[in-house]
Amino acid sequence: MTNKIIGKYGEDIAKDFLIKNKFEIIETNYRYSRVAEIDIIASKKDVLHFVEVKTRTQEFFGSPLEAITPSKLKQIFSCASEYMSKSKKRYKKYQIDAIGIVLNGKEIKKIDFIENISL
């Protein structure tokens, strides 16, 4: 599988994970600019969640979540602000979350979910 296919597969797994955990998926692959994108925008109990998804086929070079750099977080926060300014629906609160997925072929080996990440 190519990296693009692995990434898309991971995003599908993450959507299913969120739905099973009572999140409503609002949008996927929201693009703010050529470099800023949010993988999944979801809501749960009046909170808007901007979710970054990282998928790997092994953890030899670290966990998928370790690939989320401070620079990437800044892009996500910027993109989240842009989204909220254009959204017709108002939310009381928003947060940045991350889902790290490790695969063994097409089998899910591990899913880590971290909520409310800050810079």
C-alpha atoms as a PDB file:
ATOM      1  CA  MET A   1       0.000   0.000   0.000  1.00  0.00           C
ATOM      2  CA  THR A   2       1.190   3.513  -0.745  1.00  0.00           C
ATOM      3  CA  ASN A   3       1.400   6.174   1.972  1.00  0.00           C
ATOM      4  CA  LYS A   4      -1.641   7.924   0.483  1.00  0.00           C
ATOM      5  CA  ILE A   5      -3.710   4.725   0.623  1.00  0.00           C
ATOM      6  CA  ILE A   6      -2.522   3.991   4.173  1.00  0.00           C
ATOM      7  CA  GLY A   7      -3.450   7.546   5.226  1.00  0.00           C
ATOM      8  CA  LYS A   8      -6.934   7.318   3.688  1.00  0.00           C
ATOM      9  CA  TYR A   9      -7.502   3.903   5.266  1.00  0.00           C
ATOM     10  CA  GLY A  10      -6.418   5.302   8.639  1.00  0.00           C
ATOM     11  CA  GLU A  11      -8.842   8.219   8.297  1.00  0.00           C
ATOM     12  CA  ASP A  12     -11.676   5.773   7.576  1.00  0.00           C
ATOM     13  CA  ILE A  13     -10.739   3.767  10.686  1.00  0.00           C
ATOM     14  CA  ALA A  14     -10.623   6.986  12.730  1.00  0.00           C
ATOM     15  CA  LYS A  15     -14.096   8.039  11.496  1.00  0.00           C
ATOM     16  CA  ASP A  16     -15.508   4.646  12.487  1.00  0.00           C
ATOM     17  CA  PHE A  17     -13.799   4.932  15.893  1.00  0.00           C
ATOM     18  CA  LEU A  18     -15.302   8.380  16.490  1.00  0.00           C
ATOM     19  CA  ILE A  19     -18.786   7.313  15.384  1.00  0.00           C
ATOM     20  CA  LYS A  20     -18.646   4.303  17.738  1.00  0.00           C
ATOM     21  CA  ASN A  21     -17.743   6.744  20.521  1.00  0.00           C
ATOM     22  CA  LYS A  22     -20.825   8.918  19.855  1.00  0.00           C
ATOM     23  CA  PHE A  23     -19.179  11.666  17.781  1.00  0.00           C
ATOM     24  CA  GLU A  24     -21.003  13.180  14.826  1.00  0.00           C
ATOM     25  CA  ILE A  25     -18.762  13.577  11.788  1.00  0.00           C
ATOM     26  CA  ILE A  26     -19.260  17.041  10.294  1.00  0.00           C
ATOM     27  CA  GLU A  27     -16.567  17.196   7.652  1.00  0.00           C
ATOM     28  CA  THR A  28     -13.439  15.433   6.464  1.00  0.00           C
ATOM     29  CA  ASN A  29     -10.296  16.791   4.849  1.00  0.00           C
ATOM     30  CA  TYR A  30     -11.188  20.437   5.431  1.00  0.00           C
ATOM     31  CA  ARG A  31      -8.599  22.493   3.591  1.00  0.00           C
ATOM     32  CA  TYR A  32      -7.753  26.042   4.670  1.00  0.00           C
ATOM     33  CA  SER A  33      -4.772  26.535   2.359  1.00  0.00           C
ATOM     34  CA  ARG A  34      -2.373  24.453   0.317  1.00  0.00           C
ATOM     35  CA  VAL A  35      -0.557  23.426   3.494  1.00  0.00           C
ATOM     36  CA  ALA A  36      -3.250  23.487   6.213  1.00  0.00           C
ATOM     37  CA  GLU A  37      -5.807  20.714   6.409  1.00  0.00           C
ATOM     38  CA  ILE A  38      -7.850  19.108   9.160  1.00  0.00           C
ATOM     39  CA  ASP A  39      -8.484  15.399   8.696  1.00  0.00           C
ATOM     40  CA  ILE A  40     -11.777  15.160  10.593  1.00  0.00           C
ATOM     41  CA  ILE A  41     -14.112  17.739  12.090  1.00  0.00           C
ATOM     42  CA  ALA A  42     -16.593  16.187  14.503  1.00  0.00           C
ATOM     43  CA  SER A  43     -18.873  17.235  17.342  1.00  0.00           C
ATOM     44  CA  LYS A  44     -19.956  15.727  20.624  1.00  0.00           C
ATOM     45  CA  LYS A  45     -22.006  17.394  23.364  1.00  0.00           C
ATOM     46  CA  ASP A  46     -21.699  20.938  21.997  1.00  0.00           C
ATOM     47  CA  VAL A  47     -17.917  20.631  21.600  1.00  0.00           C
ATOM     48  CA  LEU A  48     -16.321  20.919  18.170  1.00  0.00           C
ATOM     49  CA  HIS A  49     -13.394  18.514  17.698  1.00  0.00           C
ATOM     50  CA  PHE A  50     -10.671  19.041  15.104  1.00  0.00           C
ATOM     51  CA  VAL A  51      -8.982  15.658  14.728  1.00  0.00           C
ATOM     52  CA  GLU A  52      -5.560  14.964  13.238  1.00  0.00           C
ATOM     53  CA  VAL A  53      -5.067  11.349  12.147  1.00  0.00           C
ATOM     54  CA  LYS A  54      -1.674   9.682  11.798  1.00  0.00           C
ATOM     55  CA  THR A  55      -1.364   6.121  10.526  1.00  0.00           C
ATOM     56  CA  ARG A  56       1.730   3.922  10.444  1.00  0.00           C
ATOM     57  CA  THR A  57       2.421   0.322   9.492  1.00  0.00           C
ATOM     58  CA  GLN A  58       5.049  -0.081  12.236  1.00  0.00           C
ATOM     59  CA  GLU A  59       6.438   1.801  15.215  1.00  0.00           C
ATOM     60  CA  PHE A  60      10.145   1.341  14.538  1.00  0.00           C
ATOM     61  CA  PHE A  61      10.645   5.110  14.186  1.00  0.00           C
ATOM     62  CA  GLY A  62       8.179   6.029  16.955  1.00  0.00           C
ATOM     63  CA  SER A  63       4.439   6.143  17.440  1.00  0.00           C
ATOM     64  CA  PRO A  64       2.196   7.815  14.869  1.00  0.00           C
ATOM     65  CA  LEU A  65       1.335  10.555  17.363  1.00  0.00           C
ATOM     66  CA  GLU A  66       5.001  11.538  17.640  1.00  0.00           C
ATOM     67  CA  ALA A  67       4.753  12.704  14.024  1.00  0.00           C
ATOM     68  CA  ILE A  68       2.514  15.617  15.067  1.00  0.00           C
ATOM     69  CA  THR A  69       4.990  18.471  15.326  1.00  0.00           C
ATOM     70  CA  PRO A  70       4.473  21.890  16.956  1.00  0.00           C
ATOM     71  CA  SER A  71       4.460  23.336  13.429  1.00  0.00           C
ATOM     72  CA  LYS A  72       1.647  20.969  12.412  1.00  0.00           C
ATOM     73  CA  LEU A  73      -0.309  21.889  15.553  1.00  0.00           C
ATOM     74  CA  LYS A  74      -0.036  25.584  14.671  1.00  0.00           C
ATOM     75  CA  GLN A  75      -1.441  24.836  11.216  1.00  0.00           C
ATOM     76  CA  ILE A  76      -4.327  22.892  12.764  1.00  0.00           C
ATOM     77  CA  PHE A  77      -5.128  25.714  15.212  1.00  0.00           C
ATOM     78  CA  SER A  78      -5.040  28.242  12.374  1.00  0.00           C
ATOM     79  CA  CYS A  79      -7.273  26.062  10.220  1.00  0.00           C
ATOM     80  CA  ALA A  80      -9.668  25.479  13.147  1.00  0.00           C
ATOM     81  CA  SER A  81      -9.989  29.240  13.728  1.00  0.00           C
ATOM     82  CA  GLU A  82     -10.733  29.795  10.052  1.00  0.00           C
ATOM     83  CA  TYR A  83     -13.359  27.032  10.064  1.00  0.00           C
ATOM     84  CA  MET A  84     -15.111  28.422  13.147  1.00  0.00           C
ATOM     85  CA  SER A  85     -15.189  31.951  11.716  1.00  0.00           C
ATOM     86  CA  LYS A  86     -17.018  30.655   8.632  1.00  0.00           C
ATOM     87  CA  SER A  87     -19.272  28.124  10.370  1.00  0.00           C
ATOM     88  CA  LYS A  88     -22.955  29.009  10.668  1.00  0.00           C
ATOM     89  CA  LYS A  89     -23.327  26.891  13.791  1.00  0.00           C
ATOM     90  CA  ARG A  90     -21.743  28.213  16.980  1.00  0.00           C
ATOM     91  CA  TYR A  91     -20.129  25.897  19.486  1.00  0.00           C
ATOM     92  CA  LYS A  92     -19.473  26.659  23.153  1.00  0.00           C
ATOM     93  CA  LYS A  93     -16.082  25.022  23.025  1.00  0.00           C
ATOM     94  CA  TYR A  94     -13.596  23.533  20.593  1.00  0.00           C
ATOM     95  CA  GLN A  95     -10.515  21.380  20.926  1.00  0.00           C
ATOM     96  CA  ILE A  96      -7.778  19.715  18.937  1.00  0.00           C
ATOM     97  CA  ASP A  97      -7.580  15.918  19.201  1.00  0.00           C
ATOM     98  CA  ALA A  98      -5.360  13.280  17.615  1.00  0.00           C
ATOM     99  CA  ILE A  99      -5.795   9.655  16.676  1.00  0.00           C
ATOM    100  CA  GLY A 100      -2.742   7.467  16.093  1.00  0.00           C
ATOM    101  CA  ILE A 101      -3.275   4.180  14.294  1.00  0.00           C
ATOM    102  CA  VAL A 102      -0.810   1.341  13.845  1.00  0.00           C
ATOM    103  CA  LEU A 103      -1.660  -1.270  11.230  1.00  0.00           C
ATOM    104  CA  ASN A 104      -0.475  -4.778  10.562  1.00  0.00           C
ATOM    105  CA  GLY A 105      -1.434  -5.081   6.909  1.00  0.00           C
ATOM    106  CA  LYS A 106      -5.125  -4.140   6.908  1.00  0.00           C
ATOM    107  CA  GLU A 107      -5.569  -5.273  10.506  1.00  0.00           C
ATOM    108  CA  ILE A 108      -5.724  -2.638  13.252  1.00  0.00           C
ATOM    109  CA  LYS A 109      -2.907  -3.301  15.694  1.00  0.00           C
ATOM    110  CA  LYS A 110      -3.429  -0.243  17.913  1.00  0.00           C
ATOM    111  CA  ILE A 111      -5.496   2.965  18.175  1.00  0.00           C
ATOM    112  CA  ASP A 112      -4.498   5.819  20.482  1.00  0.00           C
ATOM    113  CA  PHE A 113      -6.859   8.754  21.024  1.00  0.00           C
ATOM    114  CA  ILE A 114      -5.589  11.917  22.676  1.00  0.00           C
ATOM    115  CA  GLU A 115      -8.066  14.701  23.414  1.00  0.00           C
ATOM    116  CA  ASN A 116      -7.606  18.420  23.901  1.00  0.00           C
ATOM    117  CA  ILE A 117      -4.031  18.933  22.703  1.00  0.00           C
ATOM    118  CA  SER A 118      -2.488  22.344  23.296  1.00  0.00           C
ATOM    119  CA  LEU A 119       0.581  24.082  21.937  1.00  0.00           C
END
